[in-house]
């Protein structure tokens, strides 16, 4: 675990190009900016090449799909591969909606991704493992989450983050698990989208994507845990605001003090 990457990210201020979910786009932009990255969003395919060229990494989020956006995703992904920029894919609700799974499968066939970040239902769906997903939520299933994540990573030859109460990170062989966090993440829509974009930010400053993924998961999970520890009740809206504040202030030493990872 290289928590020093957080300081490197803040020093380098990498541009993260997001094809965003319009439901959570402001949370993502504010979270990235607070952490020390530089978010940029675009829905226009005509500027795709320029956006990719100035970015350190790309995050593609399937949250609010349109045909035009799907076309943009393919174009952006191909330019990202051409210019050797890492791509993080967030396959929102692919476990619940067959059309979304088909869109994700086509993207994964057409472009090389560095990391896929999803919940248990989404990662299981991409790995063709039976799981009862529920909308954007993880749903329920009986499988071993580590093995599900490994199967997905091996299928697509990339790193996979299966996020939840425990984040599972794997490249198909190596596995790490982050046990930090708070249930308040599940009460705030957009926490997963923010994590995906933070993962992209860390890939922009470290080309060991397994290491970048672990660090990103720990930074967000531990920061959320620190925020929750100061609240006297479960207040999702307060948590969301305080999380942005804490992302701008959190120190490596604070995260180190509470880290639970194996």
Protein backbone atom coordinates (compact mmCIF):
# COMPACT_ATOMS: atom_id res chain seq x y z
CA UNK A 1 0.00 0.00 0.00
CA UNK A 2 1.51 3.31 -1.13
CA UNK A 3 -0.37 6.02 0.72
CA UNK A 4 2.35 8.43 -0.33
CA UNK A 5 0.52 8.42 -3.67
CA UNK A 6 -2.00 10.79 -2.08
CA UNK A 7 0.71 13.42 -1.70
CA UNK A 8 1.91 12.73 -5.25
CA UNK A 9 -1.62 13.19 -6.55
CA UNK A 10 -1.92 16.53 -4.79
CA UNK A 11 1.47 17.64 -6.12
CA UNK A 12 0.71 16.61 -9.71
CA UNK A 13 -2.97 17.70 -9.82
CA UNK A 14 -3.83 15.29 -12.67
CA UNK A 15 -6.71 16.04 -15.02
CA UNK A 16 -9.39 13.33 -14.88
CA UNK A 17 -11.74 13.26 -17.87
CA UNK A 18 -15.16 11.95 -16.87
CA UNK A 19 -18.00 10.75 -19.04
CA UNK A 20 -20.28 11.28 -16.11
CA UNK A 21 -23.62 10.25 -14.66
CA UNK A 22 -25.68 13.46 -14.60
CA UNK A 23 -27.24 12.40 -11.29
CA UNK A 24 -23.88 12.53 -9.50
CA UNK A 25 -21.69 14.73 -11.67
CA UNK A 26 -21.38 17.55 -9.13
CA UNK A 27 -20.44 15.16 -6.31
CA UNK A 28 -17.75 13.66 -8.52
CA UNK A 29 -16.37 17.03 -9.63
CA UNK A 30 -16.29 18.44 -6.11
CA UNK A 31 -14.80 15.26 -4.64
CA UNK A 32 -12.00 15.08 -7.20
CA UNK A 33 -11.25 18.76 -6.82
CA UNK A 34 -11.18 18.53 -3.03
CA UNK A 35 -8.83 15.56 -3.09
CA UNK A 36 -6.36 17.38 -5.31
CA UNK A 37 -7.16 16.22 -8.84
CA UNK A 38 -8.59 18.35 -11.63
CA UNK A 39 -11.97 17.13 -12.94
CA UNK A 40 -13.18 17.78 -16.44
CA UNK A 41 -16.50 16.67 -17.90
CA UNK A 42 -17.69 16.60 -21.48
CA UNK A 43 -20.67 15.22 -23.38
CA UNK A 44 -19.44 16.30 -26.82
CA UNK A 45 -17.78 13.73 -29.04
CA UNK A 46 -16.22 16.39 -31.28
CA UNK A 47 -13.81 17.38 -28.50
CA UNK A 48 -13.04 13.82 -27.39
CA UNK A 49 -9.51 13.66 -28.74
CA UNK A 50 -8.46 16.96 -27.19
CA UNK A 51 -10.01 16.03 -23.85
CA UNK A 52 -8.16 12.71 -23.80
CA UNK A 53 -4.87 14.35 -24.74
CA UNK A 54 -4.98 16.79 -21.82
CA UNK A 55 -6.18 14.19 -19.32
CA UNK A 56 -4.08 11.92 -17.15
CA UNK A 57 -6.85 9.31 -17.00
CA UNK A 58 -10.41 8.69 -18.17
CA UNK A 59 -13.43 7.49 -16.19
CA UNK A 60 -16.43 6.14 -18.12
CA UNK A 61 -19.66 5.88 -16.11
CA UNK A 62 -22.71 4.07 -17.50
CA UNK A 63 -25.12 5.70 -15.07
CA UNK A 64 -27.35 7.72 -17.40
CA UNK A 65 -26.98 6.22 -20.85
CA UNK A 66 -28.04 7.70 -24.17
CA UNK A 67 -27.18 6.50 -27.68
CA UNK A 68 -25.10 9.64 -28.20
CA UNK A 69 -23.21 9.04 -24.97
CA UNK A 70 -22.53 5.40 -25.85
CA UNK A 71 -20.97 6.56 -29.12
CA UNK A 72 -18.89 9.08 -27.17
CA UNK A 73 -17.72 6.34 -24.80
CA UNK A 74 -16.40 4.26 -27.68
CA UNK A 75 -14.64 7.21 -29.27
CA UNK A 76 -13.12 8.39 -25.99
CA UNK A 77 -12.04 4.86 -25.07
CA UNK A 78 -10.30 4.36 -28.39
CA UNK A 79 -8.50 7.69 -28.10
CA UNK A 80 -7.49 6.81 -24.54
CA UNK A 81 -5.94 3.57 -25.79
CA UNK A 82 -4.24 5.41 -28.64
CA UNK A 83 -2.69 7.98 -26.29
CA UNK A 84 -1.95 5.43 -23.53
CA UNK A 85 -4.26 6.97 -20.96
CA UNK A 86 -5.74 4.55 -18.38
CA UNK A 87 -9.49 3.96 -18.54
CA UNK A 88 -11.66 3.18 -15.51
CA UNK A 89 -15.10 1.73 -16.29
CA UNK A 90 -18.03 2.01 -13.88
CA UNK A 91 -20.67 -0.45 -15.20
CA UNK A 92 -23.69 0.96 -13.37
CA UNK A 93 -26.62 -1.47 -13.03
CA UNK A 94 -25.33 -4.02 -15.56
CA UNK A 95 -26.51 -6.76 -13.22
CA UNK A 96 -30.10 -5.52 -13.29
CA UNK A 97 -30.64 -4.24 -16.85
CA UNK A 98 -29.69 -6.50 -19.81
CA UNK A 99 -29.28 -3.53 -22.18
CA UNK A 100 -26.64 -2.05 -19.90
CA UNK A 101 -24.78 -5.33 -19.76
CA UNK A 102 -24.76 -5.45 -23.56
CA UNK A 103 -23.41 -1.90 -23.71
CA UNK A 104 -20.68 -2.73 -21.20
CA UNK A 105 -19.76 -5.91 -23.05
CA UNK A 106 -19.41 -3.99 -26.32
CA UNK A 107 -17.21 -1.38 -24.66
CA UNK A 108 -15.00 -4.03 -23.09
CA UNK A 109 -14.66 -5.71 -26.46
CA UNK A 110 -13.72 -2.47 -28.21
CA UNK A 111 -11.36 -0.86 -25.71
CA UNK A 112 -8.75 -1.88 -23.17
CA UNK A 113 -9.62 -0.80 -19.66
CA UNK A 114 -7.22 -0.52 -16.76
CA UNK A 115 -9.79 -1.02 -14.00
CA UNK A 116 -13.44 -1.98 -13.66
CA UNK A 117 -15.08 -0.66 -10.48
CA UNK A 118 -18.51 -1.97 -9.52
CA UNK A 119 -20.58 -3.47 -6.75
CA UNK A 120 -21.10 -7.21 -6.28
CA UNK A 121 -24.08 -7.41 -8.62
CA UNK A 122 -22.30 -5.52 -11.39
CA UNK A 123 -19.03 -7.44 -11.18
CA UNK A 124 -20.84 -10.79 -10.96
CA UNK A 125 -22.87 -9.91 -14.07
CA UNK A 126 -19.75 -9.07 -16.06
CA UNK A 127 -18.18 -12.35 -14.93
CA UNK A 128 -21.37 -14.23 -15.94
CA UNK A 129 -21.92 -15.43 -12.38
CA UNK A 130 -25.46 -15.73 -11.01
CA UNK A 131 -26.39 -12.88 -8.67
CA UNK A 132 -29.67 -11.15 -7.86
CA UNK A 133 -28.88 -7.50 -8.51
CA UNK A 134 -31.35 -4.74 -7.59
CA UNK A 135 -31.15 -1.58 -9.68
CA UNK A 136 -27.96 0.27 -8.82
CA UNK A 137 -27.61 -1.70 -5.58
CA UNK A 138 -25.46 -4.77 -5.09
CA UNK A 139 -28.40 -7.11 -4.46
CA UNK A 140 -27.92 -10.59 -3.05
CA UNK A 141 -25.98 -13.70 -3.93
CA UNK A 142 -24.20 -16.68 -2.50
CA UNK A 143 -20.84 -16.57 -4.25
CA UNK A 144 -17.40 -15.85 -2.84
CA UNK A 145 -16.78 -12.17 -3.57
CA UNK A 146 -13.02 -12.61 -3.94
CA UNK A 147 -13.48 -15.38 -6.51
CA UNK A 148 -16.12 -13.36 -8.37
CA UNK A 149 -13.76 -10.38 -8.58
CA UNK A 150 -10.88 -12.59 -9.71
CA UNK A 151 -13.03 -14.22 -12.40
CA UNK A 152 -13.99 -10.80 -13.77
CA UNK A 153 -10.38 -9.60 -13.76
CA UNK A 154 -9.21 -12.72 -15.55
CA UNK A 155 -11.99 -12.48 -18.13
CA UNK A 156 -11.19 -8.88 -19.09
CA UNK A 157 -7.43 -8.89 -18.36
CA UNK A 158 -7.60 -5.88 -16.07
CA UNK A 159 -7.83 -4.93 -12.43
CA UNK A 160 -11.22 -5.16 -10.76
CA UNK A 161 -12.59 -3.40 -7.70
CA UNK A 162 -15.63 -5.06 -6.18
CA UNK A 163 -16.71 -2.38 -3.78
CA UNK A 164 -18.94 -2.73 -0.74
CA UNK A 165 -18.61 -2.92 3.04
CA UNK A 166 -15.26 -4.55 2.23
CA UNK A 167 -13.60 -3.49 -1.01
CA UNK A 168 -12.00 -6.36 -2.94
CA UNK A 169 -9.22 -5.37 -5.33
CA UNK A 170 -7.62 -7.88 -7.67
CA UNK A 171 -5.69 -8.19 -10.90
CA UNK A 172 -6.81 -11.80 -11.25
CA UNK A 173 -3.91 -13.13 -9.20
CA UNK A 174 -3.08 -10.69 -6.42
CA UNK A 175 -5.87 -9.74 -4.02
CA UNK A 176 -6.20 -6.97 -1.47
CA UNK A 177 -9.16 -6.15 0.75
CA UNK A 178 -9.93 -2.80 2.36
CA UNK A 179 -12.05 -3.11 5.48
CA UNK A 180 -12.37 0.57 6.30
CA UNK A 181 -15.50 2.57 5.58
CA UNK A 182 -18.93 3.41 6.94
CA UNK A 183 -22.53 2.36 6.14
CA UNK A 184 -23.20 6.02 5.33
CA UNK A 185 -21.62 5.45 1.92
CA UNK A 186 -24.61 3.25 1.07
CA UNK A 187 -27.01 6.04 2.11
CA UNK A 188 -25.46 8.60 -0.22
CA UNK A 189 -26.14 8.11 -3.93
CA UNK A 190 -22.96 8.78 -5.84
CA UNK A 191 -20.40 7.29 -3.47
CA UNK A 192 -19.53 4.58 -6.00
CA UNK A 193 -19.31 7.06 -8.85
CA UNK A 194 -16.94 9.20 -6.79
CA UNK A 195 -14.80 6.17 -5.98
CA UNK A 196 -14.50 5.27 -9.67
CA UNK A 197 -13.28 8.76 -10.54
CA UNK A 198 -10.87 8.83 -7.58
CA UNK A 199 -9.51 5.50 -8.81
CA UNK A 200 -8.92 7.13 -12.20
CA UNK A 201 -7.09 9.99 -10.51
CA UNK A 202 -4.69 7.58 -8.84
CA UNK A 203 -4.05 5.69 -12.09
CA UNK A 204 -2.94 9.01 -13.54
CA UNK A 205 -0.07 9.18 -11.04
CA UNK A 206 0.89 5.49 -10.80
CA UNK A 207 0.94 2.95 -13.62
CA UNK A 208 0.77 0.00 -11.23
CA UNK A 209 -3.01 -0.12 -11.45
CA UNK A 210 -3.37 -2.72 -8.69
CA UNK A 211 -1.50 -0.41 -6.34
CA UNK A 212 -3.39 2.66 -7.53
CA UNK A 213 -6.72 0.90 -7.02
CA UNK A 214 -5.88 -0.18 -3.47
CA UNK A 215 -4.76 3.29 -2.50
CA UNK A 216 -7.84 4.96 -3.98
CA UNK A 217 -10.17 2.59 -2.15
CA UNK A 218 -8.40 3.10 1.16
CA UNK A 219 -8.27 6.89 0.86
CA UNK A 220 -12.00 7.24 0.24
CA UNK A 221 -13.06 4.53 2.70
CA UNK A 222 -10.87 5.82 5.51
CA UNK A 223 -11.85 9.43 4.89
CA UNK A 224 -15.51 8.46 5.09
CA UNK A 225 -14.85 6.55 8.29
CA UNK A 226 -13.16 9.57 9.84
CA UNK A 227 -16.13 11.76 8.90
CA UNK A 228 -18.67 9.26 10.26
CA UNK A 229 -16.81 9.02 13.56
CA UNK A 230 -17.57 12.70 14.17
CA UNK A 231 -21.32 12.46 13.53
CA UNK A 232 -23.77 11.86 16.36
CA UNK A 233 -26.40 10.28 14.06
CA UNK A 234 -26.69 8.89 10.53
CA UNK A 235 -27.12 12.06 8.46
CA UNK A 236 -26.49 11.24 4.78
CA UNK A 237 -26.63 14.86 3.59
CA UNK A 238 -24.30 16.08 6.29
CA UNK A 239 -22.00 13.17 5.59
CA UNK A 240 -21.83 14.09 1.89
CA UNK A 241 -20.86 17.69 2.61
CA UNK A 242 -18.41 16.78 5.34
CA UNK A 243 -16.83 14.13 3.11
CA UNK A 244 -15.91 16.76 0.51
CA UNK A 245 -14.40 18.94 3.23
CA UNK A 246 -12.42 16.05 4.69
CA UNK A 247 -11.09 14.93 1.31
CA UNK A 248 -9.37 18.30 1.05
CA UNK A 249 -7.92 18.08 4.55
CA UNK A 250 -7.18 14.41 5.20
CA UNK A 251 -3.56 13.54 5.90
CA UNK A 252 -1.69 10.34 5.13
CA UNK A 253 -0.96 9.94 8.84
CA UNK A 254 -4.69 10.01 9.70
CA UNK A 255 -5.42 7.27 7.18
CA UNK A 256 -2.46 5.21 8.32
CA UNK A 257 -3.68 5.31 11.91
CA UNK A 258 -7.00 3.60 11.09
CA UNK A 259 -6.05 1.42 8.09
CA UNK A 260 -7.54 -2.06 8.03
CA UNK A 261 -6.32 -3.91 4.92
CA UNK A 262 -5.14 -7.38 3.99
